[in-house]
C-alpha atoms as a PDB file:
ATOM      1  CA  MET A   1     -11.265 -16.894 -34.785  1.00  0.00           C
ATOM      2  CA  GLU A   2     -13.358 -20.068 -34.608  1.00  0.00           C
ATOM      3  CA  ASP A   3     -13.504 -20.071 -38.406  1.00  0.00           C
ATOM      4  CA  ASN A   4      -9.720 -19.734 -38.738  1.00  0.00           C
ATOM      5  CA  GLU A   5      -7.986 -22.986 -37.812  1.00  0.00           C
ATOM      6  CA  GLY A   6      -4.565 -21.343 -37.838  1.00  0.00           C
ATOM      7  CA  LEU A   7      -5.651 -18.879 -35.164  1.00  0.00           C
ATOM      8  CA  ALA A   8      -7.791 -21.286 -33.193  1.00  0.00           C
ATOM      9  CA  LEU A   9      -4.979 -23.782 -32.661  1.00  0.00           C
ATOM     10  CA  THR A  10      -2.068 -21.388 -32.084  1.00  0.00           C
ATOM     11  CA  ASN A  11      -1.393 -18.008 -30.524  1.00  0.00           C
ATOM     12  CA  TYR A  12      -0.025 -16.577 -33.771  1.00  0.00           C
ATOM     13  CA  ILE A  13      -1.569 -13.226 -34.724  1.00  0.00           C
ATOM     14  CA  ASP A  14      -1.640 -12.494 -38.447  1.00  0.00           C
ATOM     15  CA  PHE A  15      -2.062  -8.739 -38.799  1.00  0.00           C
ATOM     16  CA  GLU A  16      -0.972  -5.742 -40.860  1.00  0.00           C
ATOM     17  CA  PHE A  17      -1.527  -2.077 -40.061  1.00  0.00           C
ATOM     18  CA  ASP A  18      -3.609   0.256 -42.167  1.00  0.00           C
ATOM     19  CA  ARG A  19      -0.957   2.971 -41.998  1.00  0.00           C
ATOM     20  CA  VAL A  20      -3.128   5.703 -43.497  1.00  0.00           C
ATOM     21  CA  GLY A  21      -6.011   4.909 -41.167  1.00  0.00           C
ATOM     22  CA  PHE A  22      -3.717   4.683 -38.142  1.00  0.00           C
ATOM     23  CA  ASN A  23      -2.163   8.104 -38.804  1.00  0.00           C
ATOM     24  CA  ARG A  24      -5.607   9.653 -39.235  1.00  0.00           C
ATOM     25  CA  GLN A  25      -6.807   8.430 -35.837  1.00  0.00           C
ATOM     26  CA  PHE A  26      -3.681   8.174 -33.654  1.00  0.00           C
ATOM     27  CA  ARG A  27      -0.432   9.940 -33.007  1.00  0.00           C
ATOM     28  CA  LEU A  28       2.781   8.488 -31.569  1.00  0.00           C
ATOM     29  CA  CYS A  29       5.169  10.542 -29.489  1.00  0.00           C
ATOM     30  CA  MET A  30       8.647   9.784 -28.112  1.00  0.00           C
ATOM     31  CA  VAL A  31       8.939  11.409 -24.690  1.00  0.00           C
ATOM     32  CA  THR A  32      12.379  11.942 -23.109  1.00  0.00           C
ATOM     33  CA  THR A  33      12.839  13.277 -19.578  1.00  0.00           C
ATOM     34  CA  THR A  34      15.368  13.525 -16.764  1.00  0.00           C
ATOM     35  CA  LYS A  35      12.576  13.768 -14.173  1.00  0.00           C
ATOM     36  CA  PRO A  36      10.426  10.640 -14.530  1.00  0.00           C
ATOM     37  CA  GLN A  37       8.473  11.615 -11.403  1.00  0.00           C
ATOM     38  CA  ASP A  38       6.824  14.368 -13.478  1.00  0.00           C
ATOM     39  CA  LEU A  39       5.680  12.018 -16.238  1.00  0.00           C
ATOM     40  CA  SER A  40       2.456  10.891 -14.576  1.00  0.00           C
ATOM     41  CA  ASP A  41       0.921  14.381 -14.590  1.00  0.00           C
ATOM     42  CA  TRP A  42       2.287  15.062 -18.083  1.00  0.00           C
ATOM     43  CA  PHE A  43       0.659  11.910 -19.477  1.00  0.00           C
ATOM     44  CA  VAL A  44      -2.665  12.994 -17.951  1.00  0.00           C
ATOM     45  CA  THR A  45      -2.375  16.423 -19.594  1.00  0.00           C
ATOM     46  CA  ALA A  46      -1.554  14.833 -22.944  1.00  0.00           C
ATOM     47  CA  ASN A  47      -4.344  12.249 -22.486  1.00  0.00           C
ATOM     48  CA  ALA A  48      -2.014   9.331 -23.121  1.00  0.00           C
ATOM     49  CA  LEU A  49      -4.008   6.348 -24.371  1.00  0.00           C
ATOM     50  CA  ALA A  50      -1.053   3.985 -23.856  1.00  0.00           C
ATOM     51  CA  ILE A  51       2.635   4.162 -22.976  1.00  0.00           C
ATOM     52  CA  SER A  52       5.619   1.882 -23.501  1.00  0.00           C
ATOM     53  CA  LYS A  53       8.923   2.275 -21.664  1.00  0.00           C
ATOM     54  CA  GLN A  54      11.897   2.305 -24.031  1.00  0.00           C
ATOM     55  CA  PRO A  55      15.475   1.125 -23.423  1.00  0.00           C
ATOM     56  CA  GLU A  56      17.470   3.884 -21.759  1.00  0.00           C
ATOM     57  CA  PRO A  57      20.575   5.196 -23.572  1.00  0.00           C
ATOM     58  CA  ARG A  58      23.794   4.478 -21.715  1.00  0.00           C
ATOM     59  CA  PHE A  59      25.452   7.780 -22.610  1.00  0.00           C
ATOM     60  CA  ASP A  60      24.212  11.251 -23.444  1.00  0.00           C
ATOM     61  CA  GLN A  61      25.425  13.402 -26.334  1.00  0.00           C
ATOM     62  CA  SER A  62      28.449  14.556 -24.281  1.00  0.00           C
ATOM     63  CA  GLY A  63      29.557  10.988 -23.567  1.00  0.00           C
ATOM     64  CA  ASN A  64      28.515  11.073 -19.896  1.00  0.00           C
ATOM     65  CA  ASP A  65      26.295   8.511 -18.214  1.00  0.00           C
ATOM     66  CA  SER A  66      22.756   9.188 -19.349  1.00  0.00           C
ATOM     67  CA  GLU A  67      20.015  10.014 -16.841  1.00  0.00           C
ATOM     68  CA  GLU A  68      17.266  10.115 -19.441  1.00  0.00           C
ATOM     69  CA  ASN A  69      14.088   8.061 -19.386  1.00  0.00           C
ATOM     70  CA  ARG A  70      12.287   7.403 -22.677  1.00  0.00           C
ATOM     71  CA  TYR A  71       8.672   6.446 -23.262  1.00  0.00           C
ATOM     72  CA  LEU A  72       6.661   5.911 -26.420  1.00  0.00           C
ATOM     73  CA  MET A  73       3.180   7.396 -26.036  1.00  0.00           C
ATOM     74  CA  LEU A  74       0.012   6.751 -28.031  1.00  0.00           C
ATOM     75  CA  THR A  75      -2.645   9.470 -28.105  1.00  0.00           C
ATOM     76  CA  SER A  76      -5.514  10.661 -30.248  1.00  0.00           C
ATOM     77  CA  ARG A  77      -4.638  12.836 -33.225  1.00  0.00           C
ATOM     78  CA  GLU A  78      -7.186  15.382 -31.987  1.00  0.00           C
ATOM     79  CA  GLU A  79      -5.365  15.952 -28.681  1.00  0.00           C
ATOM     80  CA  THR A  80      -3.244  19.098 -28.196  1.00  0.00           C
ATOM     81  CA  MET A  81       0.310  18.204 -27.177  1.00  0.00           C
ATOM     82  CA  PRO A  82       1.872  19.950 -24.149  1.00  0.00           C
ATOM     83  CA  GLU A  83       4.925  22.050 -24.977  1.00  0.00           C
ATOM     84  CA  ASN A  84       8.517  20.987 -24.311  1.00  0.00           C
ATOM     85  CA  THR A  85      10.096  21.964 -20.993  1.00  0.00           C
ATOM     86  CA  ASP A  86      13.659  22.140 -19.685  1.00  0.00           C
ATOM     87  CA  THR A  87      13.419  18.564 -18.369  1.00  0.00           C
ATOM     88  CA  LEU A  88      10.994  16.999 -20.852  1.00  0.00           C
ATOM     89  CA  LYS A  89      11.217  16.783 -24.632  1.00  0.00           C
ATOM     90  CA  ARG A  90       8.691  15.216 -26.977  1.00  0.00           C
ATOM     91  CA  GLU A  91       8.931  14.231 -30.628  1.00  0.00           C
ATOM     92  CA  VAL A  92       5.737  13.548 -32.590  1.00  0.00           C
ATOM     93  CA  LEU A  93       5.995  10.546 -34.930  1.00  0.00           C
ATOM     94  CA  THR A  94       3.965   8.966 -37.672  1.00  0.00           C
ATOM     95  CA  LEU A  95       3.654   5.186 -37.802  1.00  0.00           C
ATOM     96  CA  GLU A  96       6.313   5.013 -40.535  1.00  0.00           C
ATOM     97  CA  GLN A  97       8.753   7.219 -38.603  1.00  0.00           C
ATOM     98  CA  ALA A  98       8.343   5.113 -35.465  1.00  0.00           C
ATOM     99  CA  MET A  99       9.083   1.926 -37.373  1.00  0.00           C
ATOM    100  CA  ARG A 100      12.174   3.482 -38.941  1.00  0.00           C
ATOM    101  CA  MET A 101      13.361   4.219 -35.385  1.00  0.00           C
ATOM    102  CA  GLY A 102      13.139   0.514 -34.587  1.00  0.00           C
ATOM    103  CA  ILE A 103       9.676   0.388 -33.013  1.00  0.00           C
ATOM    104  CA  SER A 104       8.142  -2.948 -34.041  1.00  0.00           C
ATOM    105  CA  ASP A 105       4.579  -3.494 -35.166  1.00  0.00           C
ATOM    106  CA  ASP A 106       4.301  -5.932 -32.218  1.00  0.00           C
ATOM    107  CA  GLU A 107       4.881  -3.080 -29.772  1.00  0.00           C
ATOM    108  CA  ILE A 108       2.393  -0.777 -31.475  1.00  0.00           C
ATOM    109  CA  LEU A 109      -0.267  -3.501 -31.522  1.00  0.00           C
ATOM    110  CA  LEU A 110       0.330  -4.072 -27.801  1.00  0.00           C
ATOM    111  CA  MET A 111      -0.132  -0.327 -27.209  1.00  0.00           C
ATOM    112  CA  LEU A 112      -3.510  -0.517 -28.939  1.00  0.00           C
ATOM    113  CA  MET A 113      -4.404  -3.414 -26.611  1.00  0.00           C
ATOM    114  CA  LYS A 114      -3.372  -1.307 -23.590  1.00  0.00           C
ATOM    115  CA  CYS A 115      -5.586   1.482 -24.877  1.00  0.00           C
ATOM    116  CA  ARG A 116      -8.494  -0.957 -25.091  1.00  0.00           C
ATOM    117  CA  PHE A 117      -8.081  -2.845 -21.804  1.00  0.00           C
ATOM    118  CA  GLN A 118      -6.579  -0.185 -19.512  1.00  0.00           C
ATOM    119  CA  GLY A 119      -8.814   2.658 -20.710  1.00  0.00           C
ATOM    120  CA  SER A 120     -12.445   3.610 -20.276  1.00  0.00           C
ATOM    121  CA  PRO A 121     -14.728   6.509 -21.339  1.00  0.00           C
ATOM    122  CA  ASP A 122     -15.155   9.489 -19.020  1.00  0.00           C
ATOM    123  CA  SER A 123     -18.432  11.251 -18.257  1.00  0.00           C
ATOM    124  CA  ASP A 124     -18.210  13.121 -21.596  1.00  0.00           C
ATOM    125  CA  GLY A 125     -17.630   9.937 -23.573  1.00  0.00           C
ATOM    126  CA  VAL A 126     -13.921  10.709 -24.174  1.00  0.00           C
ATOM    127  CA  TRP A 127     -11.726   7.608 -24.012  1.00  0.00           C
ATOM    128  CA  ARG A 128      -9.013   7.985 -21.372  1.00  0.00           C
ATOM    129  CA  ASN A 129      -6.361   5.822 -19.732  1.00  0.00           C
ATOM    130  CA  GLN A 130      -5.788   7.246 -16.270  1.00  0.00           C
ATOM    131  CA  ASP A 131      -2.565   5.963 -14.679  1.00  0.00           C
ATOM    132  CA  ALA A 132      -1.398   4.472 -17.983  1.00  0.00           C
ATOM    133  CA  THR A 133       1.034   1.630 -17.256  1.00  0.00           C
ATOM    134  CA  SER A 134       3.798   0.359 -19.510  1.00  0.00           C
ATOM    135  CA  ARG A 135       3.100  -3.337 -18.858  1.00  0.00           C
ATOM    136  CA  LEU A 136      -0.262  -4.926 -19.607  1.00  0.00           C
ATOM    137  CA  TYR A 137      -1.458  -7.061 -16.674  1.00  0.00           C
ATOM    138  CA  LEU A 138      -4.966  -8.472 -17.026  1.00  0.00           C
ATOM    139  CA  THR A 139      -6.839  -9.641 -13.959  1.00  0.00           C
ATOM    140  CA  LYS A 140     -10.235 -10.029 -12.376  1.00  0.00           C
ATOM    141  CA  GLU A 141     -11.070  -9.025  -8.828  1.00  0.00           C
ATOM    142  CA  GLY A 142     -10.788 -12.148  -6.691  1.00  0.00           C
ATOM    143  CA  TRP A 143      -8.416 -14.058  -8.985  1.00  0.00           C
ATOM    144  CA  PHE A 144      -6.561 -16.378  -6.589  1.00  0.00           C
ATOM    145  CA  GLN A 145      -6.536 -13.920  -3.712  1.00  0.00           C
ATOM    146  CA  VAL A 146      -5.002 -15.678  -0.710  1.00  0.00           C
ATOM    147  CA  THR A 147      -3.544 -14.765   2.643  1.00  0.00           C
ATOM    148  CA  LYS A 148      -0.181 -15.698   4.094  1.00  0.00           C
ATOM    149  CA  ALA A 149      -1.992 -18.116   6.405  1.00  0.00           C
ATOM    150  CA  ASP A 150      -3.061 -20.137   3.345  1.00  0.00           C
ATOM    151  CA  ILE A 151       0.511 -20.917   2.306  1.00  0.00           C
ATOM    152  CA  PRO A 152       1.364 -24.644   2.672  1.00  0.00           C
ATOM    153  CA  GLN A 153       4.828 -23.920   4.135  1.00  0.00           C
ATOM    154  CA  GLN A 154       3.200 -22.124   7.044  1.00  0.00           C
ATOM    155  CA  GLU A 155       0.756 -24.968   7.680  1.00  0.00           C
ATOM    156  CA  THR A 156       3.687 -27.369   7.921  1.00  0.00           C
ATOM    157  CA  LYS A 157       5.370 -25.110  10.441  1.00  0.00           C
ATOM    158  CA  ASP A 158       2.169 -24.875  12.501  1.00  0.00           C
ATOM    159  CA  ASP A 159       1.865 -28.687  12.513  1.00  0.00           C
ATOM    160  CA  ALA A 160       5.445 -28.946  13.734  1.00  0.00           C
ATOM    161  CA  ASP A 161       4.786 -26.400  16.492  1.00  0.00           C
ATOM    162  CA  GLN A 162       1.647 -28.297  17.524  1.00  0.00           C
ATOM    163  CA  GLN A 163       3.600 -31.565  17.673  1.00  0.00           C
ATOM    164  CA  GLU A 164       6.316 -29.876  19.720  1.00  0.00           C
ATOM    165  CA  THR A 165       3.668 -28.597  22.161  1.00  0.00           C
ATOM    166  CA  GLU A 166       2.233 -32.131  22.501  1.00  0.00           C
ATOM    167  CA  ASP A 167       5.730 -33.487  23.197  1.00  0.00           C
ATOM    168  CA  ASP A 168       6.233 -30.859  25.896  1.00  0.00           C
ATOM    169  CA  THR A 169       2.874 -31.836  27.437  1.00  0.00           C
ATOM    170  CA  ASN A 170       3.743 -35.556  27.439  1.00  0.00           C
ATOM    171  CA  GLN A 171       7.127 -34.788  28.914  1.00  0.00           C
ATOM    172  CA  GLN A 172       5.456 -32.723  31.642  1.00  0.00           C
ATOM    173  CA  GLU A 173       2.992 -35.545  32.427  1.00  0.00           C
ATOM    174  CA  THR A 174       5.877 -38.009  32.798  1.00  0.00           C
ATOM    175  CA  LYS A 175       7.692 -35.567  35.036  1.00  0.00           C
ATOM    176  CA  ASP A 176       4.554 -35.105  37.195  1.00  0.00           C
ATOM    177  CA  ASP A 177       4.244 -38.895  37.667  1.00  0.00           C
ATOM    178  CA  ALA A 178       7.864 -39.065  38.789  1.00  0.00           C
ATOM    179  CA  ASN A 179       7.353 -36.134  41.114  1.00  0.00           C
ATOM    180  CA  GLN A 180       4.274 -37.804  42.637  1.00  0.00           C
ATOM    181  CA  GLN A 181       6.307 -40.954  43.400  1.00  0.00           C
ATOM    182  CA  GLU A 182       9.049 -38.878  44.982  1.00  0.00           C
ATOM    183  CA  THR A 183       6.403 -37.126  47.098  1.00  0.00           C
ATOM    184  CA  GLU A 184       5.430 -40.454  48.666  1.00  0.00           C
ATOM    185  CA  ASP A 185       9.097 -41.071  49.599  1.00  0.00           C
ATOM    186  CA  ASP A 186      10.053 -37.643  50.900  1.00  0.00           C
ATOM    187  CA  THR A 187       7.573 -34.765  51.298  1.00  0.00           C
ATOM    188  CA  ASN A 188      10.148 -32.097  52.132  1.00  0.00           C
ATOM    189  CA  GLN A 189      12.283 -33.018  49.143  1.00  0.00           C
ATOM    190  CA  GLN A 190       9.195 -32.907  46.902  1.00  0.00           C
ATOM    191  CA  GLU A 191       8.289 -29.391  48.071  1.00  0.00           C
ATOM    192  CA  THR A 192      11.651 -28.142  46.900  1.00  0.00           C
ATOM    193  CA  LYS A 193      11.346 -29.997  43.603  1.00  0.00           C
ATOM    194  CA  ASP A 194       7.763 -28.759  43.081  1.00  0.00           C
ATOM    195  CA  ASP A 195       9.032 -25.190  43.298  1.00  0.00           C
ATOM    196  CA  ALA A 196      11.629 -25.967  40.648  1.00  0.00           C
ATOM    197  CA  ASP A 197       9.045 -27.774  38.482  1.00  0.00           C
ATOM    198  CA  GLN A 198       6.659 -24.851  38.815  1.00  0.00           C
ATOM    199  CA  GLN A 199       9.379 -22.447  37.708  1.00  0.00           C
ATOM    200  CA  GLU A 200      10.257 -24.725  34.777  1.00  0.00           C
ATOM    201  CA  THR A 201       6.586 -24.970  33.804  1.00  0.00           C
ATOM    202  CA  GLU A 202       6.300 -21.172  33.844  1.00  0.00           C
ATOM    203  CA  ASP A 203       9.420 -20.930  31.669  1.00  0.00           C
ATOM    204  CA  ASP A 204       7.951 -23.465  29.202  1.00  0.00           C
ATOM    205  CA  THR A 205       4.686 -21.510  29.134  1.00  0.00           C
ATOM    206  CA  ASN A 206       6.477 -18.222  28.487  1.00  0.00           C
ATOM    207  CA  GLN A 207       8.564 -19.852  25.796  1.00  0.00           C
ATOM    208  CA  GLN A 208       5.435 -21.272  24.129  1.00  0.00           C
ATOM    209  CA  VAL A 209       3.691 -17.868  24.275  1.00  0.00           C
ATOM    210  CA  THR A 210       6.722 -16.264  22.647  1.00  0.00           C
ATOM    211  CA  LYS A 211       6.688 -18.949  19.940  1.00  0.00           C
ATOM    212  CA  ASP A 212       2.947 -18.461  19.366  1.00  0.00           C
ATOM    213  CA  ASN A 213       3.454 -14.731  18.984  1.00  0.00           C
ATOM    214  CA  ALA A 214       6.182 -15.326  16.412  1.00  0.00           C
ATOM    215  CA  ASN A 215       3.930 -17.700  14.476  1.00  0.00           C
ATOM    216  CA  GLN A 216       1.093 -15.198  14.616  1.00  0.00           C
ATOM    217  CA  GLN A 217       3.406 -12.606  13.077  1.00  0.00           C
ATOM    218  CA  VAL A 218       4.203 -14.954  10.192  1.00  0.00           C
ATOM    219  CA  THR A 219       0.543 -15.812   9.550  1.00  0.00           C
ATOM    220  CA  LYS A 220      -0.880 -12.271   9.292  1.00  0.00           C
ATOM    221  CA  SER A 221      -4.306 -12.667   7.733  1.00  0.00           C
ATOM    222  CA  ASP A 222      -4.479  -9.211   6.122  1.00  0.00           C
ATOM    223  CA  ILE A 223      -1.764  -9.835   3.500  1.00  0.00           C
ATOM    224  CA  TYR A 224      -3.256 -10.642   0.092  1.00  0.00           C
ATOM    225  CA  GLN A 225      -1.910 -11.930  -3.188  1.00  0.00           C
ATOM    226  CA  GLN A 226      -3.314 -11.185  -6.632  1.00  0.00           C
ATOM    227  CA  VAL A 227      -2.581 -13.209  -9.762  1.00  0.00           C
ATOM    228  CA  ALA A 228      -2.573 -11.491 -13.156  1.00  0.00           C
ATOM    229  CA  LEU A 229      -1.728 -12.393 -16.745  1.00  0.00           C
ATOM    230  CA  GLU A 230       1.039 -10.347 -18.344  1.00  0.00           C
ATOM    231  CA  VAL A 231       0.406  -9.895 -22.067  1.00  0.00           C
ATOM    232  CA  SER A 232       3.257  -9.505 -24.552  1.00  0.00           C
ATOM    233  CA  ILE A 233       3.705  -9.937 -28.297  1.00  0.00           C
ATOM    234  CA  ASN A 234       6.902 -11.119 -29.973  1.00  0.00           C
ATOM    235  CA  HIS A 235       7.143 -11.733 -33.723  1.00  0.00           C
ATOM    236  CA  HIS A 236       3.328 -11.822 -33.930  1.00  0.00           C
ATOM    237  CA  ILE A 237       3.187 -14.474 -31.179  1.00  0.00           C
ATOM    238  CA  LEU A 238       0.836 -13.606 -28.310  1.00  0.00           C
ATOM    239  CA  ASN A 239       2.374 -14.567 -24.956  1.00  0.00           C
ATOM    240  CA  LEU A 240       0.533 -14.849 -21.632  1.00  0.00           C
ATOM    241  CA  ALA A 241       2.497 -15.289 -18.401  1.00  0.00           C
ATOM    242  CA  SER A 242       1.108 -15.467 -14.871  1.00  0.00           C
ATOM    243  CA  ARG A 243       2.492 -12.944 -12.378  1.00  0.00           C
ATOM    244  CA  THR A 244       2.018 -12.989  -8.606  1.00  0.00           C
ATOM    245  CA  PHE A 245       1.434  -9.676  -6.831  1.00  0.00           C
ATOM    246  CA  THR A 246       1.722  -9.386  -3.038  1.00  0.00           C
ATOM    247  CA  GLU A 247       0.168  -6.601  -0.981  1.00  0.00           C
ATOM    248  CA  VAL A 248       2.747  -4.207   0.478  1.00  0.00           C
ATOM    249  CA  ASP A 249       2.829  -1.060   2.557  1.00  0.00           C
ATOM    250  CA  GLY A 250       3.903   1.808   0.375  1.00  0.00           C
ATOM    251  CA  TYR A 251       3.037   5.174  -1.094  1.00  0.00           C
ATOM    252  CA  GLN A 252       2.552   3.770  -4.586  1.00  0.00           C
ATOM    253  CA  GLY A 253       2.497   0.481  -6.451  1.00  0.00           C
ATOM    254  CA  TYR A 254       0.178  -1.703  -8.527  1.00  0.00           C
ATOM    255  CA  ALA A 255      -3.565  -1.680  -7.897  1.00  0.00           C
ATOM    256  CA  VAL A 256      -6.550  -3.454  -9.463  1.00  0.00           C
ATOM    257  CA  CYS A 257      -8.224  -1.009 -11.857  1.00  0.00           C
ATOM    258  CA  ASN A 258     -10.523  -1.734 -14.823  1.00  0.00           C
ATOM    259  CA  ASP A 259      -9.634  -5.456 -14.705  1.00  0.00           C
ATOM    260  CA  CYS A 260      -5.943  -4.519 -14.989  1.00  0.00           C
ATOM    261  CA  MET A 261      -3.042  -4.020 -12.598  1.00  0.00           C
ATOM    262  CA  LYS A 262      -2.037  -0.375 -12.972  1.00  0.00           C
ATOM    263  CA  PHE A 263       0.794   1.511 -11.285  1.00  0.00           C
ATOM    264  CA  LYS A 264      -0.652   4.352  -9.222  1.00  0.00           C
ATOM    265  CA  LYS A 265      -0.491   6.236  -5.936  1.00  0.00           C
ATOM    266  CA  ARG A 266      -2.208   4.770  -2.879  1.00  0.00           C
ATOM    267  CA  GLU A 267      -5.750   5.983  -2.291  1.00  0.00           C
ATOM    268  CA  GLN A 268      -8.274   3.635  -0.659  1.00  0.00           C
ATOM    269  CA  GLN A 269      -7.239   0.519  -2.573  1.00  0.00           C
ATOM    270  CA  ARG A 270      -4.739  -2.242  -1.821  1.00  0.00           C
ATOM    271  CA  ILE A 271      -1.229  -1.692  -3.191  1.00  0.00           C
ATOM    272  CA  PHE A 272       0.763  -4.622  -4.620  1.00  0.00           C
ATOM    273  CA  ARG A 273       4.269  -5.374  -5.893  1.00  0.00           C
ATOM    274  CA  VAL A 274       5.336  -8.105  -8.312  1.00  0.00           C
ATOM    275  CA  VAL A 275       6.745 -10.424  -5.621  1.00  0.00           C
ATOM    276  CA  SER A 276       5.400 -13.476  -3.872  1.00  0.00           C
ATOM    277  CA  VAL A 277       5.572 -14.292  -0.192  1.00  0.00           C
ATOM    278  CA  ASN A 278       9.087 -15.210   0.997  1.00  0.00           C
ATOM    279  CA  GLU A 279      10.408 -14.029  -2.388  1.00  0.00           C
ATOM    280  CA  GLU A 280       9.298 -17.322  -3.968  1.00  0.00           C
END
């Protein structure tokens, strides 16, 4: 790349597939199902090296609203394909057949990149992509991990609360001075007012405790964010876009795996969604 000025100064990728070599090593498969929840196990059985979600058809062959989900899968030519079922159909494709169906060379190149970055060899040296994910998110552990307490908006709110507490304190000191003067004039009257002031002070304290508890809820320190780069290719142009992931409670979501964000079920790792704090 350093020797090619056109590549070094732009993100244009000049490539062309060796179609014969591709078909000897890989196999493409269009998978259609009405039960997408079963796809994860099916992809493991088929040893999917990469997947790409396809646009869903609006209508089925009978003209009704379609409930089908379609994925393009890349696998090794040596793998044995699982058989069709009542809810899942697969169609094996060559590179030429896939392109005639409208699959671009950009998408196939991106699938090869998913195979490379999302996958890893198992104990037998077989390359696998466990929890293959349609989108390619690249990350490193620790990339811009922050907590909600680190968000500037929250710091501003804390400063405002601190200032409000100082104002309440100053107001109380002024009130105490006035009460002390009234004590010199009339002790009995001050006793009654002291009881009222004490009650008001207790109310202010309770109100401040309630406010502190609310602020503590907003500034939970165990909520993390993870930044990743989403990789896409369009007309041979490599695009990188930053995406913010926020930790969530849930059964499944994105997790850091092999320097990627992969969609998987919760185990011992943090689970994220592609949203930032306060939906911003």
